[in-house]
Each structure stands twice: as structure tokens, then as C-alpha cells.
N, C-alpha and C. Protein backbone atom coordinates (compact mmCIF):
# COMPACT_ATOMS: atom_id res chain seq x y z
N MET A 1 -4.80 95.88 -16.30
CA MET A 1 -4.22 96.30 -17.56
C MET A 1 -5.20 95.94 -18.67
N ASP A 2 -5.83 96.93 -19.26
CA ASP A 2 -6.88 96.69 -20.23
C ASP A 2 -6.38 96.63 -21.67
N GLU A 3 -5.34 97.37 -21.98
CA GLU A 3 -4.84 97.39 -23.35
C GLU A 3 -4.10 96.08 -23.64
N GLY A 4 -3.81 95.87 -24.91
CA GLY A 4 -3.11 94.66 -25.31
C GLY A 4 -1.63 94.72 -24.96
N PRO A 5 -0.91 93.71 -25.37
CA PRO A 5 0.51 93.64 -25.06
C PRO A 5 1.32 94.79 -25.68
N SER A 6 2.28 95.29 -24.91
CA SER A 6 3.20 96.34 -25.38
C SER A 6 4.28 95.68 -26.24
N PRO A 7 5.15 96.47 -26.87
CA PRO A 7 6.25 95.88 -27.64
C PRO A 7 7.14 94.96 -26.79
N LEU A 8 7.40 95.33 -25.53
CA LEU A 8 8.19 94.45 -24.66
C LEU A 8 7.44 93.15 -24.41
N HIS A 9 6.15 93.25 -24.13
CA HIS A 9 5.33 92.05 -23.93
C HIS A 9 5.39 91.16 -25.18
N GLU A 10 5.26 91.78 -26.35
CA GLU A 10 5.29 91.01 -27.60
C GLU A 10 6.62 90.29 -27.78
N GLU A 11 7.71 90.97 -27.45
CA GLU A 11 9.03 90.35 -27.58
C GLU A 11 9.17 89.17 -26.63
N ILE A 12 8.68 89.32 -25.42
CA ILE A 12 8.72 88.21 -24.45
C ILE A 12 7.87 87.05 -24.95
N LEU A 13 6.69 87.33 -25.47
CA LEU A 13 5.84 86.27 -26.00
C LEU A 13 6.54 85.54 -27.15
N ARG A 14 7.25 86.27 -28.01
CA ARG A 14 7.98 85.63 -29.11
C ARG A 14 9.09 84.72 -28.57
N LEU A 15 9.78 85.18 -27.53
CA LEU A 15 10.83 84.34 -26.93
C LEU A 15 10.23 83.06 -26.35
N LEU A 16 9.12 83.19 -25.64
CA LEU A 16 8.47 82.01 -25.08
C LEU A 16 8.03 81.06 -26.18
N TRP A 17 7.52 81.60 -27.28
CA TRP A 17 7.11 80.79 -28.43
C TRP A 17 8.29 79.98 -28.97
N ARG A 18 9.49 80.61 -28.95
CA ARG A 18 10.70 79.95 -29.44
C ARG A 18 11.29 78.97 -28.43
N GLY A 19 10.71 78.92 -27.22
CA GLY A 19 11.19 77.97 -26.22
C GLY A 19 12.13 78.55 -25.19
N VAL A 20 12.31 79.86 -25.18
CA VAL A 20 13.13 80.52 -24.16
C VAL A 20 12.21 80.78 -22.97
N THR A 21 12.25 79.91 -21.96
CA THR A 21 11.26 79.96 -20.88
C THR A 21 11.84 80.30 -19.51
N ARG A 22 13.13 80.16 -19.34
CA ARG A 22 13.75 80.43 -18.04
C ARG A 22 14.00 81.93 -17.88
N PRO A 23 13.71 82.48 -16.69
CA PRO A 23 13.91 83.92 -16.48
C PRO A 23 15.32 84.41 -16.83
N LEU A 24 16.36 83.66 -16.45
CA LEU A 24 17.72 84.11 -16.77
C LEU A 24 17.96 84.13 -18.28
N SER A 25 17.41 83.17 -18.99
CA SER A 25 17.56 83.13 -20.45
C SER A 25 16.81 84.27 -21.11
N ILE A 26 15.62 84.57 -20.60
CA ILE A 26 14.84 85.69 -21.14
C ILE A 26 15.61 86.99 -20.93
N ASN A 27 16.17 87.17 -19.72
CA ASN A 27 16.96 88.38 -19.44
C ASN A 27 18.18 88.47 -20.34
N THR A 28 18.82 87.34 -20.63
CA THR A 28 19.99 87.33 -21.51
C THR A 28 19.59 87.76 -22.92
N GLU A 29 18.48 87.25 -23.41
CA GLU A 29 18.01 87.61 -24.75
C GLU A 29 17.63 89.09 -24.83
N LEU A 30 17.11 89.63 -23.74
CA LEU A 30 16.66 91.03 -23.70
C LEU A 30 17.65 91.89 -22.91
N ARG A 31 18.92 91.75 -23.20
CA ARG A 31 19.95 92.41 -22.39
C ARG A 31 19.87 93.94 -22.39
N MET A 32 19.17 94.52 -23.35
CA MET A 32 19.03 95.98 -23.38
C MET A 32 17.90 96.47 -22.46
N VAL A 33 17.17 95.53 -21.84
CA VAL A 33 16.06 95.87 -20.96
C VAL A 33 16.45 95.46 -19.54
N HIS A 34 16.19 96.32 -18.57
CA HIS A 34 16.52 96.02 -17.18
C HIS A 34 15.75 94.78 -16.73
N PRO A 35 16.41 93.86 -16.01
CA PRO A 35 15.75 92.63 -15.55
C PRO A 35 14.46 92.87 -14.76
N GLU A 36 14.39 93.94 -13.99
CA GLU A 36 13.16 94.22 -13.24
C GLU A 36 12.01 94.57 -14.19
N GLU A 37 12.32 95.26 -15.29
CA GLU A 37 11.29 95.57 -16.28
C GLU A 37 10.77 94.29 -16.94
N VAL A 38 11.70 93.37 -17.21
CA VAL A 38 11.31 92.09 -17.80
C VAL A 38 10.42 91.32 -16.83
N GLU A 39 10.82 91.29 -15.56
CA GLU A 39 10.02 90.60 -14.54
C GLU A 39 8.63 91.22 -14.43
N ASP A 40 8.57 92.54 -14.40
CA ASP A 40 7.27 93.22 -14.34
C ASP A 40 6.41 92.88 -15.55
N ALA A 41 7.04 92.85 -16.73
CA ALA A 41 6.30 92.53 -17.95
C ALA A 41 5.77 91.10 -17.91
N LEU A 42 6.56 90.18 -17.37
CA LEU A 42 6.10 88.80 -17.26
C LEU A 42 4.88 88.70 -16.35
N PHE A 43 4.92 89.42 -15.23
CA PHE A 43 3.77 89.39 -14.32
C PHE A 43 2.56 90.10 -14.95
N ASP A 44 2.81 91.14 -15.76
CA ASP A 44 1.71 91.78 -16.51
C ASP A 44 1.06 90.76 -17.45
N LEU A 45 1.90 90.03 -18.17
CA LEU A 45 1.39 89.02 -19.10
C LEU A 45 0.60 87.94 -18.36
N GLU A 46 1.05 87.62 -17.16
CA GLU A 46 0.32 86.63 -16.36
C GLU A 46 -1.06 87.17 -15.99
N LYS A 47 -1.11 88.44 -15.59
CA LYS A 47 -2.40 89.05 -15.25
C LYS A 47 -3.34 89.10 -16.46
N MET A 48 -2.77 89.27 -17.65
CA MET A 48 -3.56 89.31 -18.88
C MET A 48 -3.98 87.92 -19.34
N GLY A 49 -3.39 86.89 -18.74
CA GLY A 49 -3.74 85.52 -19.10
C GLY A 49 -2.93 84.91 -20.22
N TYR A 50 -1.82 85.55 -20.61
CA TYR A 50 -1.01 85.06 -21.72
C TYR A 50 0.04 84.04 -21.30
N VAL A 51 0.49 84.10 -20.05
CA VAL A 51 1.53 83.19 -19.57
C VAL A 51 1.18 82.71 -18.17
N LYS A 52 1.88 81.63 -17.77
CA LYS A 52 1.76 81.18 -16.39
C LYS A 52 3.16 80.79 -15.92
N LEU A 53 3.37 80.92 -14.63
CA LEU A 53 4.65 80.60 -14.02
C LEU A 53 4.60 79.18 -13.49
N ARG A 54 5.58 78.38 -13.86
CA ARG A 54 5.71 77.04 -13.30
C ARG A 54 6.96 77.03 -12.42
N GLY A 55 6.75 76.85 -11.12
CA GLY A 55 7.85 76.84 -10.18
C GLY A 55 7.64 77.88 -9.10
N PRO A 56 8.66 78.04 -8.24
CA PRO A 56 8.52 78.96 -7.10
C PRO A 56 8.42 80.42 -7.53
N ARG A 57 7.69 81.20 -6.72
CA ARG A 57 7.54 82.64 -6.96
C ARG A 57 8.57 83.46 -6.19
N ASN A 58 9.28 82.85 -5.27
CA ASN A 58 10.34 83.55 -4.55
C ASN A 58 11.32 84.10 -5.59
N ARG A 59 11.66 85.38 -5.45
CA ARG A 59 12.44 86.07 -6.49
C ARG A 59 13.73 85.35 -6.87
N VAL A 60 14.52 84.92 -5.88
CA VAL A 60 15.79 84.26 -6.18
C VAL A 60 15.55 82.87 -6.76
N LEU A 61 14.68 82.10 -6.11
CA LEU A 61 14.40 80.75 -6.60
C LEU A 61 13.75 80.77 -7.97
N MET A 62 12.93 81.79 -8.22
CA MET A 62 12.27 81.90 -9.51
C MET A 62 13.31 82.02 -10.62
N LEU A 63 14.36 82.81 -10.40
CA LEU A 63 15.40 82.97 -11.42
C LEU A 63 16.09 81.65 -11.72
N LEU A 64 16.25 80.82 -10.69
CA LEU A 64 17.00 79.58 -10.85
C LEU A 64 16.16 78.38 -11.24
N LEU A 65 14.94 78.29 -10.72
CA LEU A 65 14.18 77.05 -10.83
C LEU A 65 12.88 77.14 -11.63
N SER A 66 12.39 78.32 -11.88
CA SER A 66 11.08 78.46 -12.52
C SER A 66 11.20 78.63 -14.02
N GLU A 67 10.08 78.46 -14.69
CA GLU A 67 10.00 78.79 -16.10
C GLU A 67 8.62 79.36 -16.40
N TRP A 68 8.59 80.22 -17.40
CA TRP A 68 7.35 80.85 -17.84
C TRP A 68 6.84 80.11 -19.05
N LEU A 69 5.56 79.81 -19.07
CA LEU A 69 4.96 79.05 -20.16
C LEU A 69 3.81 79.83 -20.77
N LEU A 70 3.65 79.72 -22.07
CA LEU A 70 2.51 80.33 -22.75
C LEU A 70 1.24 79.59 -22.37
N THR A 71 0.19 80.31 -22.14
CA THR A 71 -1.13 79.70 -21.99
C THR A 71 -1.71 79.54 -23.39
N ARG A 72 -2.87 78.95 -23.48
CA ARG A 72 -3.54 78.81 -24.78
C ARG A 72 -3.79 80.19 -25.38
N LYS A 73 -4.22 81.14 -24.53
CA LYS A 73 -4.47 82.51 -25.00
C LYS A 73 -3.19 83.13 -25.55
N GLY A 74 -2.06 82.93 -24.84
CA GLY A 74 -0.79 83.47 -25.29
C GLY A 74 -0.32 82.85 -26.60
N ALA A 75 -0.46 81.53 -26.71
CA ALA A 75 -0.05 80.84 -27.93
C ALA A 75 -0.91 81.28 -29.11
N ASP A 76 -2.21 81.41 -28.89
CA ASP A 76 -3.10 81.88 -29.96
C ASP A 76 -2.74 83.30 -30.39
N HIS A 77 -2.39 84.15 -29.42
CA HIS A 77 -2.02 85.53 -29.74
C HIS A 77 -0.76 85.56 -30.61
N VAL A 78 0.26 84.80 -30.20
CA VAL A 78 1.51 84.78 -30.97
C VAL A 78 1.26 84.21 -32.37
N ALA A 79 0.48 83.14 -32.46
CA ALA A 79 0.19 82.54 -33.76
C ALA A 79 -0.53 83.54 -34.67
N GLU A 80 -1.47 84.28 -34.12
CA GLU A 80 -2.20 85.29 -34.90
C GLU A 80 -1.26 86.41 -35.37
N ARG A 81 -0.37 86.86 -34.48
CA ARG A 81 0.59 87.91 -34.86
C ARG A 81 1.53 87.42 -35.95
N ARG A 82 2.01 86.19 -35.82
CA ARG A 82 2.90 85.62 -36.84
C ARG A 82 2.17 85.50 -38.17
N LYS A 83 0.93 85.08 -38.14
CA LYS A 83 0.13 84.93 -39.36
C LYS A 83 -0.07 86.29 -40.03
N SER A 84 -0.34 87.32 -39.22
CA SER A 84 -0.57 88.65 -39.79
C SER A 84 0.70 89.24 -40.41
N ARG A 85 1.86 88.78 -39.93
CA ARG A 85 3.14 89.24 -40.50
C ARG A 85 3.63 88.35 -41.63
N GLY A 86 2.93 87.25 -41.86
CA GLY A 86 3.34 86.33 -42.92
C GLY A 86 4.47 85.40 -42.50
N GLU A 87 4.71 85.27 -41.19
CA GLU A 87 5.74 84.36 -40.69
C GLU A 87 5.15 82.96 -40.58
N THR A 88 6.03 81.97 -40.59
CA THR A 88 5.55 80.59 -40.43
C THR A 88 6.00 80.01 -39.13
């Protein structure tokens, strides 16, 4: 994936920035988006280097026990986007 984050990716990055790191919590916040799309977007972000998964990768266990964390690249991206919008 060569292009930058999509709007869904950006929304997920904002949630992670706010501390919403558990897959079930992310899905709850993004209830208008199918959970599989959210999962795919998280793995896209991982491939881009913006996030990393802490915990098991097994689909069921991941929902219950894992959390997604921003990498330095992801945190810098969110901070830059917030700065460009004038957010603090």
C-alpha cells in the first residue's frame, strides 16, 4: 500500500491517539463500519508502519486479549494532522 492513510485509517489512528486500543472498543466506536473492514484497516496500518499489535493474532483471542498501539511513525502522523487542523 503506497498511498497514505484513508479516511478510515485516519479515524482509527485518532481513536488510538485517544487511547481506544482494544479491537472491540474500536469496533464499538466505528459502529457504522463493518468489523472486518476495521480489522483489514488495522492490518493495513500495521503494514504501513503506523501501528503494532500487542497480543495474540488469533482472530478470536485478538478481539479479547490484544490491543493496537501507535508506533512512533503513527504518533508523529497524528500529531502532524492535529497541528495542521489547529487541534491541541
